Amino acid sequence: MLLLKVKSDYLVDYPKGGLDLNIIDLHCDVLLKLYAAKGDLSFQHATELDVNYDKLKQGGVKIQAFAIFVPPSIKSDQKFQVALDQIHYFYTEVIAKNPNLKVLKNWKDFDQLADGEIGAFLTLEGVDCIGNDLQKLSILYELGVRSIGLTWNNSNLAADGAGEERGAGLTVFGKEIIQFCNENKILSDVSHLCERSFWDVMELANHPIASHSNSQAICNHRRNLTDEQATHLFKKNGLVHVVYCPPFITEQGPASISDLITHIDHFCSIGGVKHIGLGSDFDGISDKVVNLEDASMHPALINELLKKYSEDEVKGFAYQNFLDLRPR
């Protein structure tokens, strides 16, 4: 084994020749924090952020998804402006002030990052901000949104989320949004949907993913996926990105990296080894996995994975599975 130090304080045991650390993280909530701070946080090095430029470099993150999330407390007539404000901070604070961060708007762009460059792309967590207006969704697409989840935990004009007791499926408008995603090769994210909405999306979507979800068989939380849901995603060439949120990892006590890997183990056991990715939810969670508290600490996760899985399998979880299964 070759002992390497990977841009951080964490020592990682890698197989001979080393392992390229090119993490793709499908979910973080940095933009909400930047919006709340009204420009008073530096994305480059603000310690208040779990994900900043310095931590991405230290953690070997090659591509980071940045979610647009408009809190339910925002008045309906202000929600689209809040979404645009978060996109404003994405371009002015994340991209413009960090020259090595590159916006990814086409799936082929994911293959064209130079050494030292980090890719960044926009996702939408809940379509509340567009009301019933698909033209607003077209605007968000033109601005770079490449993954769309119909809901957060609430219900809206498109679907019911995981926290809606009614548990209804997609509306006609929700189905139109999935068709929009199909036509534009946008990922359809199922992470926050109630189960009936999940199955409606799976029937229609060409590119389904769960951007930040774990296994309900391991931790019985409404935000996690049942085995039936997960295996159906795998059969449709979808991906499940495990999330670092402790209540979704274990039902008791603090969560460890080993506890998180238990979810990966389970997904692998039901056929998901080529369909697993990472979706941290950094800056959207208050509790953290021990020794995995921010983006700089990804090498600790890779180190533990390499104790159980082959180099190729770990590369798959870290980035290759997503690259293999993204839209073309």
C-alpha atoms as a PDB file:
ATOM      1  CA  MET A   1       0.000   0.000   0.000  1.00  0.00           C
ATOM      2  CA  LEU A   2       1.148   3.530  -0.782  1.00  0.00           C
ATOM      3  CA  LEU A   3       0.563   6.130   1.926  1.00  0.00           C
ATOM      4  CA  LEU A   4      -0.394   9.454   0.363  1.00  0.00           C
ATOM      5  CA  LYS A   5      -1.472  12.802   1.709  1.00  0.00           C
ATOM      6  CA  VAL A   6      -4.282  14.151  -0.427  1.00  0.00           C
ATOM      7  CA  LYS A   7      -4.504  17.941  -0.090  1.00  0.00           C
ATOM      8  CA  SER A   8      -5.705  17.669   3.480  1.00  0.00           C
ATOM      9  CA  ASP A   9      -4.790  16.557   6.964  1.00  0.00           C
ATOM     10  CA  TYR A  10      -6.147  13.057   6.343  1.00  0.00           C
ATOM     11  CA  LEU A  11      -3.785  10.275   5.432  1.00  0.00           C
ATOM     12  CA  VAL A  12      -5.276   7.906   2.887  1.00  0.00           C
ATOM     13  CA  ASP A  13      -3.958   4.424   2.129  1.00  0.00           C
ATOM     14  CA  TYR A  14      -4.195   3.917  -1.621  1.00  0.00           C
ATOM     15  CA  PRO A  15      -3.333   0.922  -3.771  1.00  0.00           C
ATOM     16  CA  LYS A  16      -0.068   0.993  -5.727  1.00  0.00           C
ATOM     17  CA  GLY A  17       0.003   3.847  -8.185  1.00  0.00           C
ATOM     18  CA  GLY A  18      -2.430   5.885  -6.121  1.00  0.00           C
ATOM     19  CA  LEU A  19      -6.080   6.664  -6.658  1.00  0.00           C
ATOM     20  CA  ASP A  20      -7.194   9.824  -8.419  1.00  0.00           C
ATOM     21  CA  LEU A  21      -9.522  11.641  -6.073  1.00  0.00           C
ATOM     22  CA  ASN A  22     -12.226  13.121  -8.294  1.00  0.00           C
ATOM     23  CA  ILE A  23     -15.303  13.321  -6.099  1.00  0.00           C
ATOM     24  CA  ILE A  24     -18.613  14.262  -7.712  1.00  0.00           C
ATOM     25  CA  ASP A  25     -21.028  15.538  -5.068  1.00  0.00           C
ATOM     26  CA  LEU A  26     -24.632  15.802  -6.255  1.00  0.00           C
ATOM     27  CA  HIS A  27     -26.021  18.010  -3.477  1.00  0.00           C
ATOM     28  CA  CYS A  28     -25.071  20.947  -1.276  1.00  0.00           C
ATOM     29  CA  ASP A  29     -26.950  24.005  -0.002  1.00  0.00           C
ATOM     30  CA  VAL A  30     -24.230  26.654  -0.205  1.00  0.00           C
ATOM     31  CA  LEU A  31     -26.383  28.977  -2.302  1.00  0.00           C
ATOM     32  CA  LEU A  32     -28.998  29.308   0.421  1.00  0.00           C
ATOM     33  CA  LYS A  33     -26.290  30.381   2.880  1.00  0.00           C
ATOM     34  CA  LEU A  34     -24.815  32.845   0.390  1.00  0.00           C
ATOM     35  CA  TYR A  35     -28.279  34.261  -0.252  1.00  0.00           C
ATOM     36  CA  ALA A  36     -28.980  34.595   3.475  1.00  0.00           C
ATOM     37  CA  ALA A  37     -25.655  36.410   3.956  1.00  0.00           C
ATOM     38  CA  LYS A  38     -26.384  38.835   1.091  1.00  0.00           C
ATOM     39  CA  GLY A  39     -22.821  38.647  -0.193  1.00  0.00           C
ATOM     40  CA  ASP A  40     -21.079  38.855   3.172  1.00  0.00           C
ATOM     41  CA  LEU A  41     -19.643  35.309   2.954  1.00  0.00           C
ATOM     42  CA  SER A  42     -16.620  34.497   0.837  1.00  0.00           C
ATOM     43  CA  PHE A  43     -17.098  31.266  -1.055  1.00  0.00           C
ATOM     44  CA  GLN A  44     -13.345  30.967  -1.346  1.00  0.00           C
ATOM     45  CA  HIS A  45     -12.579  30.471   2.317  1.00  0.00           C
ATOM     46  CA  ALA A  46     -15.503  31.290   4.657  1.00  0.00           C
ATOM     47  CA  THR A  47     -15.270  28.921   7.608  1.00  0.00           C
ATOM     48  CA  GLU A  48     -19.052  29.123   8.034  1.00  0.00           C
ATOM     49  CA  LEU A  49     -19.427  27.060   4.846  1.00  0.00           C
ATOM     50  CA  ASP A  50     -19.091  23.268   4.764  1.00  0.00           C
ATOM     51  CA  VAL A  51     -18.355  23.638   1.057  1.00  0.00           C
ATOM     52  CA  ASN A  52     -16.041  26.411  -0.088  1.00  0.00           C
ATOM     53  CA  TYR A  53     -13.347  26.591  -2.723  1.00  0.00           C
ATOM     54  CA  ASP A  54     -10.507  25.739  -0.350  1.00  0.00           C
ATOM     55  CA  LYS A  55     -12.373  22.759   1.081  1.00  0.00           C
ATOM     56  CA  LEU A  56     -13.290  21.439  -2.371  1.00  0.00           C
ATOM     57  CA  LYS A  57      -9.614  21.476  -3.307  1.00  0.00           C
ATOM     58  CA  GLN A  58      -8.539  19.879  -0.044  1.00  0.00           C
ATOM     59  CA  GLY A  59     -11.174  17.166  -0.331  1.00  0.00           C
ATOM     60  CA  GLY A  60     -10.442  16.208  -3.916  1.00  0.00           C
ATOM     61  CA  VAL A  61     -13.870  17.288  -5.157  1.00  0.00           C
ATOM     62  CA  LYS A  62     -13.787  17.617  -8.938  1.00  0.00           C
ATOM     63  CA  ILE A  63     -17.455  18.461  -9.556  1.00  0.00           C
ATOM     64  CA  GLN A  64     -19.933  20.029  -7.135  1.00  0.00           C
ATOM     65  CA  ALA A  65     -23.678  20.404  -7.652  1.00  0.00           C
ATOM     66  CA  PHE A  66     -25.165  23.565  -6.132  1.00  0.00           C
ATOM     67  CA  ALA A  67     -28.846  23.333  -5.197  1.00  0.00           C
ATOM     68  CA  ILE A  68     -31.309  26.189  -5.510  1.00  0.00           C
ATOM     69  CA  PHE A  69     -33.663  25.810  -2.547  1.00  0.00           C
ATOM     70  CA  VAL A  70     -36.357  28.359  -1.764  1.00  0.00           C
ATOM     71  CA  PRO A  71     -37.625  27.896   1.815  1.00  0.00           C
ATOM     72  CA  PRO A  72     -41.388  27.314   2.207  1.00  0.00           C
ATOM     73  CA  SER A  73     -41.546  30.416   4.422  1.00  0.00           C
ATOM     74  CA  ILE A  74     -40.912  32.681   1.420  1.00  0.00           C
ATOM     75  CA  LYS A  75     -44.124  34.252   0.059  1.00  0.00           C
ATOM     76  CA  SER A  76     -45.310  32.746  -3.215  1.00  0.00           C
ATOM     77  CA  ASP A  77     -44.915  35.929  -5.242  1.00  0.00           C
ATOM     78  CA  GLN A  78     -41.296  36.276  -4.085  1.00  0.00           C
ATOM     79  CA  LYS A  79     -40.083  32.721  -4.631  1.00  0.00           C
ATOM     80  CA  PHE A  80     -38.911  33.036  -8.220  1.00  0.00           C
ATOM     81  CA  GLN A  81     -36.894  36.152  -7.359  1.00  0.00           C
ATOM     82  CA  VAL A  82     -35.252  34.272  -4.462  1.00  0.00           C
ATOM     83  CA  ALA A  83     -34.284  31.496  -6.892  1.00  0.00           C
ATOM     84  CA  LEU A  84     -32.797  34.093  -9.255  1.00  0.00           C
ATOM     85  CA  ASP A  85     -30.959  35.719  -6.345  1.00  0.00           C
ATOM     86  CA  GLN A  86     -29.340  32.394  -5.473  1.00  0.00           C
ATOM     87  CA  ILE A  87     -28.273  31.967  -9.097  1.00  0.00           C
ATOM     88  CA  HIS A  88     -26.852  35.491  -8.953  1.00  0.00           C
ATOM     89  CA  TYR A  89     -24.650  34.502  -6.023  1.00  0.00           C
ATOM     90  CA  PHE A  90     -23.637  31.313  -7.840  1.00  0.00           C
ATOM     91  CA  TYR A  91     -22.249  33.337 -10.732  1.00  0.00           C
ATOM     92  CA  THR A  92     -20.881  36.337  -8.814  1.00  0.00           C
ATOM     93  CA  GLU A  93     -19.510  34.725  -5.635  1.00  0.00           C
ATOM     94  CA  VAL A  94     -18.809  31.098  -6.560  1.00  0.00           C
ATOM     95  CA  ILE A  95     -17.749  31.346 -10.198  1.00  0.00           C
ATOM     96  CA  ALA A  96     -16.516  34.900 -10.875  1.00  0.00           C
ATOM     97  CA  LYS A  97     -14.250  35.111  -7.818  1.00  0.00           C
ATOM     98  CA  ASN A  98     -12.686  31.656  -8.249  1.00  0.00           C
ATOM     99  CA  PRO A  99     -11.183  31.349 -11.750  1.00  0.00           C
ATOM    100  CA  ASN A 100     -10.540  27.600 -11.443  1.00  0.00           C
ATOM    101  CA  LEU A 101     -14.248  26.924 -10.932  1.00  0.00           C
ATOM    102  CA  LYS A 102     -15.973  26.229 -14.244  1.00  0.00           C
ATOM    103  CA  VAL A 103     -19.707  26.214 -14.943  1.00  0.00           C
ATOM    104  CA  LEU A 104     -20.937  22.964 -16.479  1.00  0.00           C
ATOM    105  CA  LYS A 105     -23.985  23.393 -18.714  1.00  0.00           C
ATOM    106  CA  ASN A 106     -23.535  20.463 -21.087  1.00  0.00           C
ATOM    107  CA  TRP A 107     -22.988  16.857 -20.067  1.00  0.00           C
ATOM    108  CA  LYS A 108     -19.922  16.637 -22.318  1.00  0.00           C
ATOM    109  CA  ASP A 109     -18.391  19.495 -20.274  1.00  0.00           C
ATOM    110  CA  PHE A 110     -17.901  16.994 -17.442  1.00  0.00           C
ATOM    111  CA  ASP A 111     -15.125  15.383 -19.517  1.00  0.00           C
ATOM    112  CA  GLN A 112     -13.342  18.620 -20.391  1.00  0.00           C
ATOM    113  CA  LEU A 113     -12.134  19.948 -17.057  1.00  0.00           C
ATOM    114  CA  ALA A 114      -8.409  20.625 -17.010  1.00  0.00           C
ATOM    115  CA  ASP A 115      -6.109  19.634 -14.157  1.00  0.00           C
ATOM    116  CA  GLY A 116      -6.725  21.964 -11.245  1.00  0.00           C
ATOM    117  CA  GLU A 117     -10.186  22.977 -12.432  1.00  0.00           C
ATOM    118  CA  ILE A 118     -13.352  22.193 -10.466  1.00  0.00           C
ATOM    119  CA  GLY A 119     -16.701  21.898 -12.202  1.00  0.00           C
ATOM    120  CA  ALA A 120     -19.904  23.390 -10.808  1.00  0.00           C
ATOM    121  CA  PHE A 121     -23.500  23.012 -11.937  1.00  0.00           C
ATOM    122  CA  LEU A 122     -26.927  24.084 -10.734  1.00  0.00           C
ATOM    123  CA  THR A 123     -29.786  21.924  -9.500  1.00  0.00           C
ATOM    124  CA  LEU A 124     -33.297  22.792  -8.353  1.00  0.00           C
ATOM    125  CA  GLU A 125     -34.689  21.372  -5.109  1.00  0.00           C
ATOM    126  CA  GLY A 126     -38.447  21.855  -5.454  1.00  0.00           C
ATOM    127  CA  VAL A 127     -40.304  23.670  -8.242  1.00  0.00           C
ATOM    128  CA  ASP A 128     -42.391  25.876  -5.917  1.00  0.00           C
ATOM    129  CA  CYS A 129     -40.578  28.921  -7.278  1.00  0.00           C
ATOM    130  CA  ILE A 130     -42.055  28.564 -10.788  1.00  0.00           C
ATOM    131  CA  GLY A 131     -45.669  28.339  -9.657  1.00  0.00           C
ATOM    132  CA  ASN A 132     -47.473  26.861 -12.665  1.00  0.00           C
ATOM    133  CA  ASP A 133     -45.316  28.592 -15.282  1.00  0.00           C
ATOM    134  CA  LEU A 134     -43.101  26.353 -17.427  1.00  0.00           C
ATOM    135  CA  GLN A 135     -41.545  29.444 -19.006  1.00  0.00           C
ATOM    136  CA  LYS A 136     -39.880  30.150 -15.678  1.00  0.00           C
ATOM    137  CA  LEU A 137     -38.455  26.628 -15.757  1.00  0.00           C
ATOM    138  CA  SER A 138     -37.074  27.366 -19.227  1.00  0.00           C
ATOM    139  CA  ILE A 139     -35.338  30.437 -17.801  1.00  0.00           C
ATOM    140  CA  LEU A 140     -33.761  28.344 -15.039  1.00  0.00           C
ATOM    141  CA  TYR A 141     -32.622  25.826 -17.644  1.00  0.00           C
ATOM    142  CA  GLU A 142     -30.974  28.563 -19.711  1.00  0.00           C
ATOM    143  CA  LEU A 143     -29.214  29.764 -16.564  1.00  0.00           C
ATOM    144  CA  GLY A 144     -27.716  26.314 -16.037  1.00  0.00           C
ATOM    145  CA  VAL A 145     -30.092  24.096 -14.023  1.00  0.00           C
ATOM    146  CA  ARG A 146     -29.454  20.468 -15.031  1.00  0.00           C
ATOM    147  CA  SER A 147     -31.248  18.495 -12.315  1.00  0.00           C
ATOM    148  CA  ILE A 148     -34.775  19.073 -11.002  1.00  0.00           C
ATOM    149  CA  GLY A 149     -36.529  17.669  -7.963  1.00  0.00           C
ATOM    150  CA  LEU A 150     -40.256  18.393  -8.052  1.00  0.00           C
ATOM    151  CA  THR A 151     -40.617  18.947  -4.326  1.00  0.00           C
ATOM    152  CA  TRP A 152     -38.843  19.424  -1.069  1.00  0.00           C
ATOM    153  CA  ASN A 153     -40.783  17.688   1.732  1.00  0.00           C
ATOM    154  CA  ASN A 154     -43.925  19.727   1.145  1.00  0.00           C
ATOM    155  CA  SER A 155     -46.555  19.535  -1.575  1.00  0.00           C
ATOM    156  CA  ASN A 156     -46.815  21.979  -4.445  1.00  0.00           C
ATOM    157  CA  LEU A 157     -48.529  22.305  -7.815  1.00  0.00           C
ATOM    158  CA  ALA A 158     -46.409  19.478  -9.255  1.00  0.00           C
ATOM    159  CA  ALA A 159     -46.384  16.700  -6.651  1.00  0.00           C
ATOM    160  CA  ASP A 160     -46.459  15.683  -3.006  1.00  0.00           C
ATOM    161  CA  GLY A 161     -43.223  15.442  -1.070  1.00  0.00           C
ATOM    162  CA  ALA A 162     -42.093  13.020   1.599  1.00  0.00           C
ATOM    163  CA  GLY A 163     -43.576  15.134   4.376  1.00  0.00           C
ATOM    164  CA  GLU A 164     -47.064  15.488   2.896  1.00  0.00           C
ATOM    165  CA  GLU A 165     -49.481  13.167   4.718  1.00  0.00           C
ATOM    166  CA  ARG A 166     -51.807  12.984   1.724  1.00  0.00           C
ATOM    167  CA  GLY A 167     -49.120  11.139  -0.249  1.00  0.00           C
ATOM    168  CA  ALA A 168     -50.600  11.829  -3.675  1.00  0.00           C
ATOM    169  CA  GLY A 169     -48.628  11.453  -6.885  1.00  0.00           C
ATOM    170  CA  LEU A 170     -47.789  13.819  -9.714  1.00  0.00           C
ATOM    171  CA  THR A 171     -50.276  16.347 -11.022  1.00  0.00           C
ATOM    172  CA  VAL A 172     -50.722  16.988 -14.733  1.00  0.00           C
ATOM    173  CA  PHE A 173     -48.337  19.914 -14.321  1.00  0.00           C
ATOM    174  CA  GLY A 174     -45.790  17.667 -12.601  1.00  0.00           C
ATOM    175  CA  LYS A 175     -45.921  15.275 -15.538  1.00  0.00           C
ATOM    176  CA  GLU A 176     -45.327  18.195 -17.904  1.00  0.00           C
ATOM    177  CA  ILE A 177     -42.204  19.072 -15.932  1.00  0.00           C
ATOM    178  CA  ILE A 178     -40.859  15.513 -16.268  1.00  0.00           C
ATOM    179  CA  GLN A 179     -41.493  15.738 -20.003  1.00  0.00           C
ATOM    180  CA  PHE A 180     -39.556  19.016 -20.048  1.00  0.00           C
ATOM    181  CA  CYS A 181     -36.701  17.256 -18.264  1.00  0.00           C
ATOM    182  CA  ASN A 182     -36.741  14.430 -20.806  1.00  0.00           C
ATOM    183  CA  GLU A 183     -36.715  16.801 -23.765  1.00  0.00           C
ATOM    184  CA  ASN A 184     -33.773  18.769 -22.363  1.00  0.00           C
ATOM    185  CA  LYS A 185     -31.765  15.863 -20.873  1.00  0.00           C
ATOM    186  CA  ILE A 186     -32.270  17.137 -17.346  1.00  0.00           C
ATOM    187  CA  LEU A 187     -31.981  14.757 -14.390  1.00  0.00           C
ATOM    188  CA  SER A 188     -35.270  14.006 -12.610  1.00  0.00           C
ATOM    189  CA  ASP A 189     -34.451  13.890  -8.901  1.00  0.00           C
ATOM    190  CA  VAL A 190     -36.680  11.705  -6.686  1.00  0.00           C
ATOM    191  CA  SER A 191     -34.976  12.270  -3.316  1.00  0.00           C
ATOM    192  CA  HIS A 192     -37.700  14.320  -1.607  1.00  0.00           C
ATOM    193  CA  LEU A 193     -40.788  12.742  -3.157  1.00  0.00           C
ATOM    194  CA  CYS A 194     -43.465  10.738  -1.391  1.00  0.00           C
ATOM    195  CA  GLU A 195     -43.614   7.147  -2.570  1.00  0.00           C
ATOM    196  CA  ARG A 196     -46.522   7.546  -4.976  1.00  0.00           C
ATOM    197  CA  SER A 197     -44.846  10.559  -6.597  1.00  0.00           C
ATOM    198  CA  PHE A 198     -41.662   8.485  -6.871  1.00  0.00           C
ATOM    199  CA  TRP A 199     -43.426   5.783  -8.861  1.00  0.00           C
ATOM    200  CA  ASP A 200     -45.085   8.337 -11.140  1.00  0.00           C
ATOM    201  CA  VAL A 201     -41.678   9.855 -11.903  1.00  0.00           C
ATOM    202  CA  MET A 202     -40.157   6.440 -12.537  1.00  0.00           C
ATOM    203  CA  GLU A 203     -42.861   5.674 -15.074  1.00  0.00           C
ATOM    204  CA  LEU A 204     -42.108   8.835 -17.058  1.00  0.00           C
ATOM    205  CA  ALA A 205     -38.501   9.955 -16.511  1.00  0.00           C
ATOM    206  CA  ASN A 206     -35.656   9.148 -18.886  1.00  0.00           C
ATOM    207  CA  HIS A 207     -32.942  10.204 -16.437  1.00  0.00           C
ATOM    208  CA  PRO A 208     -34.005   9.490 -12.832  1.00  0.00           C
ATOM    209  CA  ILE A 209     -31.662   9.897  -9.879  1.00  0.00           C
ATOM    210  CA  ALA A 210     -31.802  10.244  -6.114  1.00  0.00           C
ATOM    211  CA  SER A 211     -29.399  13.097  -5.413  1.00  0.00           C
ATOM    212  CA  HIS A 212     -29.206  12.580  -1.636  1.00  0.00           C
ATOM    213  CA  SER A 213     -30.962   9.525  -0.161  1.00  0.00           C
ATOM    214  CA  ASN A 214     -30.055   6.418   1.821  1.00  0.00           C
ATOM    215  CA  SER A 215     -31.538   2.959   2.394  1.00  0.00           C
ATOM    216  CA  GLN A 216     -34.758   2.625   4.353  1.00  0.00           C
ATOM    217  CA  ALA A 217     -33.843  -0.997   5.089  1.00  0.00           C
ATOM    218  CA  ILE A 218     -30.892   0.259   7.140  1.00  0.00           C
ATOM    219  CA  CYS A 219     -32.463   3.413   8.601  1.00  0.00           C
ATOM    220  CA  ASN A 220     -36.243   3.681   8.624  1.00  0.00           C
ATOM    221  CA  HIS A 221     -36.651   7.343   7.679  1.00  0.00           C
ATOM    222  CA  ARG A 222     -39.251   8.749   5.303  1.00  0.00           C
ATOM    223  CA  ARG A 223     -36.521  10.367   3.215  1.00  0.00           C
ATOM    224  CA  ASN A 224     -34.812   7.064   2.478  1.00  0.00           C
ATOM    225  CA  LEU A 225     -35.578   4.629  -0.320  1.00  0.00           C
ATOM    226  CA  THR A 226     -37.101   1.188   0.044  1.00  0.00           C
ATOM    227  CA  ASP A 227     -35.336  -1.724  -1.613  1.00  0.00           C
ATOM    228  CA  GLU A 228     -38.096  -1.833  -4.228  1.00  0.00           C
ATOM    229  CA  GLN A 229     -37.538   1.820  -5.070  1.00  0.00           C
ATOM    230  CA  ALA A 230     -33.757   1.482  -5.184  1.00  0.00           C
ATOM    231  CA  THR A 231     -33.735  -1.627  -7.377  1.00  0.00           C
ATOM    232  CA  HIS A 232     -36.167   0.020  -9.783  1.00  0.00           C
ATOM    233  CA  LEU A 233     -33.843   2.999 -10.055  1.00  0.00           C
ATOM    234  CA  PHE A 234     -30.946   0.657 -10.783  1.00  0.00           C
ATOM    235  CA  LYS A 235     -32.936  -1.115 -13.523  1.00  0.00           C
ATOM    236  CA  LYS A 236     -33.649   2.242 -15.173  1.00  0.00           C
ATOM    237  CA  ASN A 237     -29.932   3.136 -15.129  1.00  0.00           C
ATOM    238  CA  GLY A 238     -30.539   5.635 -12.347  1.00  0.00           C
ATOM    239  CA  LEU A 239     -28.244   6.466  -9.453  1.00  0.00           C
ATOM    240  CA  VAL A 240     -28.629   6.717  -5.694  1.00  0.00           C
ATOM    241  CA  HIS A 241     -26.285   9.231  -4.099  1.00  0.00           C
ATOM    242  CA  VAL A 242     -25.822   8.467  -0.421  1.00  0.00           C
ATOM    243  CA  VAL A 243     -26.357  11.428   1.892  1.00  0.00           C
ATOM    244  CA  TYR A 244     -24.241  12.384   4.917  1.00  0.00           C
ATOM    245  CA  CYS A 245     -27.180  13.447   7.111  1.00  0.00           C
ATOM    246  CA  PRO A 246     -26.991  11.475  10.401  1.00  0.00           C
ATOM    247  CA  PRO A 247     -30.786  11.006  10.895  1.00  0.00           C
ATOM    248  CA  PHE A 248     -30.876   9.342   7.459  1.00  0.00           C
ATOM    249  CA  ILE A 249     -27.905   7.114   8.347  1.00  0.00           C
ATOM    250  CA  THR A 250     -28.621   5.681  11.781  1.00  0.00           C
ATOM    251  CA  GLU A 251     -31.570   5.682  14.167  1.00  0.00           C
ATOM    252  CA  GLN A 252     -29.373   5.860  17.257  1.00  0.00           C
ATOM    253  CA  GLY A 253     -26.545   8.125  18.345  1.00  0.00           C
ATOM    254  CA  PRO A 254     -23.908   9.946  16.285  1.00  0.00           C
ATOM    255  CA  ALA A 255     -23.231   8.620  12.795  1.00  0.00           C
ATOM    256  CA  SER A 256     -19.819   7.290  11.766  1.00  0.00           C
ATOM    257  CA  ILE A 257     -18.317   6.815   8.326  1.00  0.00           C
ATOM    258  CA  SER A 258     -18.775   3.077   8.854  1.00  0.00           C
ATOM    259  CA  ASP A 259     -22.494   3.677   9.432  1.00  0.00           C
ATOM    260  CA  LEU A 260     -22.691   5.551   6.124  1.00  0.00           C
ATOM    261  CA  ILE A 261     -20.838   2.768   4.319  1.00  0.00           C
ATOM    262  CA  THR A 262     -23.418   0.296   5.646  1.00  0.00           C
ATOM    263  CA  HIS A 263     -25.897   1.946   3.275  1.00  0.00           C
ATOM    264  CA  ILE A 264     -23.471   1.530   0.379  1.00  0.00           C
ATOM    265  CA  ASP A 265     -23.012  -2.114   1.389  1.00  0.00           C
ATOM    266  CA  HIS A 266     -26.763  -2.657   1.309  1.00  0.00           C
ATOM    267  CA  PHE A 267     -27.269  -0.963  -2.046  1.00  0.00           C
ATOM    268  CA  CYS A 268     -24.464  -3.101  -3.465  1.00  0.00           C
ATOM    269  CA  SER A 269     -26.119  -6.231  -2.083  1.00  0.00           C
ATOM    270  CA  ILE A 270     -29.276  -5.507  -4.097  1.00  0.00           C
ATOM    271  CA  GLY A 271     -27.478  -4.843  -7.367  1.00  0.00           C
ATOM    272  CA  GLY A 272     -26.390  -1.229  -7.099  1.00  0.00           C
ATOM    273  CA  VAL A 273     -22.603  -1.345  -7.249  1.00  0.00           C
ATOM    274  CA  LYS A 274     -22.623   0.513 -10.608  1.00  0.00           C
ATOM    275  CA  HIS A 275     -25.398   2.867  -9.502  1.00  0.00           C
ATOM    276  CA  ILE A 276     -24.076   4.483  -6.313  1.00  0.00           C
ATOM    277  CA  GLY A 277     -22.755   8.027  -5.964  1.00  0.00           C
ATOM    278  CA  LEU A 278     -22.275  10.695  -3.302  1.00  0.00           C
ATOM    279  CA  GLY A 279     -24.677  13.492  -2.308  1.00  0.00           C
ATOM    280  CA  SER A 280     -23.363  15.121   0.853  1.00  0.00           C
ATOM    281  CA  ASP A 281     -26.090  17.682   1.665  1.00  0.00           C
ATOM    282  CA  PHE A 282     -23.333  19.846   3.162  1.00  0.00           C
ATOM    283  CA  ASP A 283     -24.525  23.275   4.278  1.00  0.00           C
ATOM    284  CA  GLY A 284     -28.035  21.858   4.478  1.00  0.00           C
ATOM    285  CA  ILE A 285     -27.461  19.735   7.580  1.00  0.00           C
ATOM    286  CA  SER A 286     -26.615  20.745  11.145  1.00  0.00           C
ATOM    287  CA  ASP A 287     -25.530  17.339  12.479  1.00  0.00           C
ATOM    288  CA  LYS A 288     -22.515  15.781  10.776  1.00  0.00           C
ATOM    289  CA  VAL A 289     -20.950  12.368  10.337  1.00  0.00           C
ATOM    290  CA  VAL A 290     -17.939  12.049  12.640  1.00  0.00           C
ATOM    291  CA  ASN A 291     -14.748  12.761  10.617  1.00  0.00           C
ATOM    292  CA  LEU A 292     -16.850  13.770   7.607  1.00  0.00           C
ATOM    293  CA  GLU A 293     -17.933  17.240   8.682  1.00  0.00           C
ATOM    294  CA  ASP A 294     -17.162  19.190   5.509  1.00  0.00           C
ATOM    295  CA  ALA A 295     -16.010  18.830   1.915  1.00  0.00           C
ATOM    296  CA  SER A 296     -12.319  18.789   2.837  1.00  0.00           C
ATOM    297  CA  MET A 297     -12.790  15.477   4.648  1.00  0.00           C
ATOM    298  CA  HIS A 298     -13.813  13.298   1.709  1.00  0.00           C
ATOM    299  CA  PRO A 299     -10.436  11.470   1.802  1.00  0.00           C
ATOM    300  CA  ALA A 300     -11.483   9.926   5.127  1.00  0.00           C
ATOM    301  CA  LEU A 301     -14.505   8.378   3.404  1.00  0.00           C
ATOM    302  CA  ILE A 302     -12.414   7.157   0.475  1.00  0.00           C
ATOM    303  CA  ASN A 303      -9.916   5.628   2.877  1.00  0.00           C
ATOM    304  CA  GLU A 304     -12.624   3.592   4.618  1.00  0.00           C
ATOM    305  CA  LEU A 305     -14.192   2.512   1.330  1.00  0.00           C
ATOM    306  CA  LEU A 306     -10.854   1.205   0.065  1.00  0.00           C
ATOM    307  CA  LYS A 307     -10.670  -1.135   3.052  1.00  0.00           C
ATOM    308  CA  LYS A 308     -13.771  -2.957   1.755  1.00  0.00           C
ATOM    309  CA  TYR A 309     -13.997  -2.334  -1.982  1.00  0.00           C
ATOM    310  CA  SER A 310     -11.708  -2.525  -4.995  1.00  0.00           C
ATOM    311  CA  GLU A 311     -10.120   0.581  -6.463  1.00  0.00           C
ATOM    312  CA  ASP A 312     -12.462   0.442  -9.465  1.00  0.00           C
ATOM    313  CA  GLU A 313     -15.517   0.140  -7.243  1.00  0.00           C
ATOM    314  CA  VAL A 314     -14.446   3.104  -5.110  1.00  0.00           C
ATOM    315  CA  LYS A 315     -13.799   5.170  -8.226  1.00  0.00           C
ATOM    316  CA  GLY A 316     -17.313   4.241  -9.279  1.00  0.00           C
ATOM    317  CA  PHE A 317     -18.858   5.490  -6.047  1.00  0.00           C
ATOM    318  CA  ALA A 318     -16.739   8.648  -6.072  1.00  0.00           C
ATOM    319  CA  TYR A 319     -17.345   9.743  -9.652  1.00  0.00           C
ATOM    320  CA  GLN A 320     -17.279   7.126 -12.423  1.00  0.00           C
ATOM    321  CA  ASN A 321     -20.781   5.710 -11.949  1.00  0.00           C
ATOM    322  CA  PHE A 322     -22.229   9.171 -12.448  1.00  0.00           C
ATOM    323  CA  LEU A 323     -20.097   9.815 -15.520  1.00  0.00           C
ATOM    324  CA  ASP A 324     -21.117   6.467 -16.988  1.00  0.00           C
ATOM    325  CA  LEU A 325     -24.848   6.979 -16.471  1.00  0.00           C
ATOM    326  CA  ARG A 326     -25.323  10.731 -17.040  1.00  0.00           C
ATOM    327  CA  PRO A 327     -27.495  11.818 -20.005  1.00  0.00           C
ATOM    328  CA  ARG A 328     -25.850  11.768 -23.413  1.00  0.00           C
END
